[in-house]
C-alpha atoms as a PDB file:
ATOM      1  CA  MET A   1     -25.991  16.904 106.927  1.00  0.00           C
ATOM      2  CA  GLU A   2     -26.056  20.383 105.446  1.00  0.00           C
ATOM      3  CA  GLN A   3     -23.792  23.267 106.488  1.00  0.00           C
ATOM      4  CA  THR A   4     -23.677  26.893 105.400  1.00  0.00           C
ATOM      5  CA  PHE A   5     -20.435  28.635 104.458  1.00  0.00           C
ATOM      6  CA  GLU A   6     -19.713  32.194 103.416  1.00  0.00           C
ATOM      7  CA  ALA A   7     -18.154  32.510  99.977  1.00  0.00           C
ATOM      8  CA  THR A   8     -16.299  35.568  98.722  1.00  0.00           C
ATOM      9  CA  ILE A   9     -16.677  36.207  95.004  1.00  0.00           C
ATOM     10  CA  GLU A  10     -14.757  38.879  93.120  1.00  0.00           C
ATOM     11  CA  LYS A  11     -14.997  39.998  89.504  1.00  0.00           C
ATOM     12  CA  ARG A  12     -11.649  40.138  87.717  1.00  0.00           C
ATOM     13  CA  ASP A  13     -11.803  41.199  84.100  1.00  0.00           C
ATOM     14  CA  LYS A  14     -14.165  38.744  82.379  1.00  0.00           C
ATOM     15  CA  TRP A  15     -14.003  36.107  85.134  1.00  0.00           C
ATOM     16  CA  TYR A  16     -15.324  35.727  88.648  1.00  0.00           C
ATOM     17  CA  ILE A  17     -13.110  34.111  91.259  1.00  0.00           C
ATOM     18  CA  GLY A  18     -14.308  32.780  94.577  1.00  0.00           C
ATOM     19  CA  TRP A  19     -13.119  31.183  97.782  1.00  0.00           C
ATOM     20  CA  VAL A  20     -14.385  29.980 101.144  1.00  0.00           C
ATOM     21  CA  ASP A  21     -12.200  31.235 103.997  1.00  0.00           C
ATOM     22  CA  ALA A  22     -13.479  28.576 106.411  1.00  0.00           C
ATOM     23  CA  VAL A  23     -12.309  25.755 104.115  1.00  0.00           C
ATOM     24  CA  PRO A  24      -8.635  26.052 103.163  1.00  0.00           C
ATOM     25  CA  GLY A  25      -8.111  25.128  99.531  1.00  0.00           C
ATOM     26  CA  ALA A  26     -11.686  25.901  98.438  1.00  0.00           C
ATOM     27  CA  PHE A  27     -11.091  28.188  95.451  1.00  0.00           C
ATOM     28  CA  SER A  28     -12.784  28.368  92.072  1.00  0.00           C
ATOM     29  CA  GLN A  29     -13.521  30.545  89.087  1.00  0.00           C
ATOM     30  CA  GLY A  30     -16.222  30.896  86.484  1.00  0.00           C
ATOM     31  CA  LYS A  31     -17.750  33.148  83.886  1.00  0.00           C
ATOM     32  CA  THR A  32     -20.807  33.826  86.077  1.00  0.00           C
ATOM     33  CA  ILE A  33     -21.457  34.145  89.804  1.00  0.00           C
ATOM     34  CA  LYS A  34     -23.754  31.110  89.631  1.00  0.00           C
ATOM     35  CA  GLU A  35     -20.981  29.041  88.032  1.00  0.00           C
ATOM     36  CA  VAL A  36     -18.530  30.036  90.769  1.00  0.00           C
ATOM     37  CA  GLU A  37     -21.094  29.214  93.470  1.00  0.00           C
ATOM     38  CA  GLU A  38     -21.715  25.758  92.016  1.00  0.00           C
ATOM     39  CA  ASN A  39     -17.969  25.119  91.652  1.00  0.00           C
ATOM     40  CA  LEU A  40     -17.359  26.221  95.249  1.00  0.00           C
ATOM     41  CA  LYS A  41     -20.115  23.941  96.544  1.00  0.00           C
ATOM     42  CA  GLU A  42     -18.456  21.008  94.808  1.00  0.00           C
ATOM     43  CA  ALA A  43     -14.977  22.001  96.023  1.00  0.00           C
ATOM     44  CA  VAL A  44     -16.098  22.345  99.653  1.00  0.00           C
ATOM     45  CA  GLN A  45     -17.973  19.042  99.511  1.00  0.00           C
ATOM     46  CA  LEU A  46     -14.956  17.183  98.098  1.00  0.00           C
ATOM     47  CA  ILE A  47     -12.533  18.736 100.592  1.00  0.00           C
ATOM     48  CA  LEU A  48     -14.742  17.932 103.590  1.00  0.00           C
ATOM     49  CA  GLU A  49     -15.379  14.370 102.380  1.00  0.00           C
ATOM     50  CA  SER A  50     -11.629  13.812 101.974  1.00  0.00           C
ATOM     51  CA  GLN A  51     -10.921  15.203 105.439  1.00  0.00           C
ATOM     52  CA  ARG A  52     -13.631  13.008 106.974  1.00  0.00           C
ATOM     53  CA  GLU A  53     -12.259   9.892 105.235  1.00  0.00           C
ATOM     54  CA  LEU A  54      -8.721  10.614 106.435  1.00  0.00           C
ATOM     55  CA  ARG A  55      -9.948  11.256 109.972  1.00  0.00           C
ATOM     56  CA  ASP A  56     -12.069   8.110 110.079  1.00  0.00           C
ATOM     57  CA  LYS A  57      -9.311   5.952 108.600  1.00  0.00           C
ATOM     58  CA  GLY A  58      -6.998   6.807 111.482  1.00  0.00           C
ATOM     59  CA  THR A  59      -3.760   5.066 112.287  1.00  0.00           C
ATOM     60  CA  GLY A  60      -4.871   2.993 115.256  1.00  0.00           C
ATOM     61  CA  GLY A  61      -2.531   4.925 117.538  1.00  0.00           C
ATOM     62  CA  GLU A  62      -3.182   7.079 120.580  1.00  0.00           C
ATOM     63  CA  ILE A  63      -5.289  10.169 119.944  1.00  0.00           C
ATOM     64  CA  VAL A  64      -4.664  13.355 121.915  1.00  0.00           C
ATOM     65  CA  LYS A  65      -6.762  16.504 121.512  1.00  0.00           C
ATOM     66  CA  ARG A  66      -5.269  19.837 122.554  1.00  0.00           C
ATOM     67  CA  LYS A  67      -6.275  23.464 122.097  1.00  0.00           C
ATOM     68  CA  ILE A  68      -3.633  25.576 120.401  1.00  0.00           C
ATOM     69  CA  GLN A  69      -3.350  29.316 119.835  1.00  0.00           C
ATOM     70  CA  VAL A  70      -2.155  30.740 116.542  1.00  0.00           C
ATOM     71  CA  GLN A  71      -1.540  34.382 115.697  1.00  0.00           C
ATOM     72  CA  VAL A  72      -2.937  35.363 112.321  1.00  0.00           C
END
């Protein structure tokens, strides 16, 4: 399955830094925009795979889904 995410990339001195707001922890840097994009793709893929594995592993206990509101 393929998903699309919006990345923010900023030039700081000689480096570019980037992050994906929709995926907490997806940060990277590189000397070019292309390098940051490739690094972010890998970071997002690894984070989502890890989350999926943890979710699928489960604990065997009762699962309850609730909607919560958070002020940001």
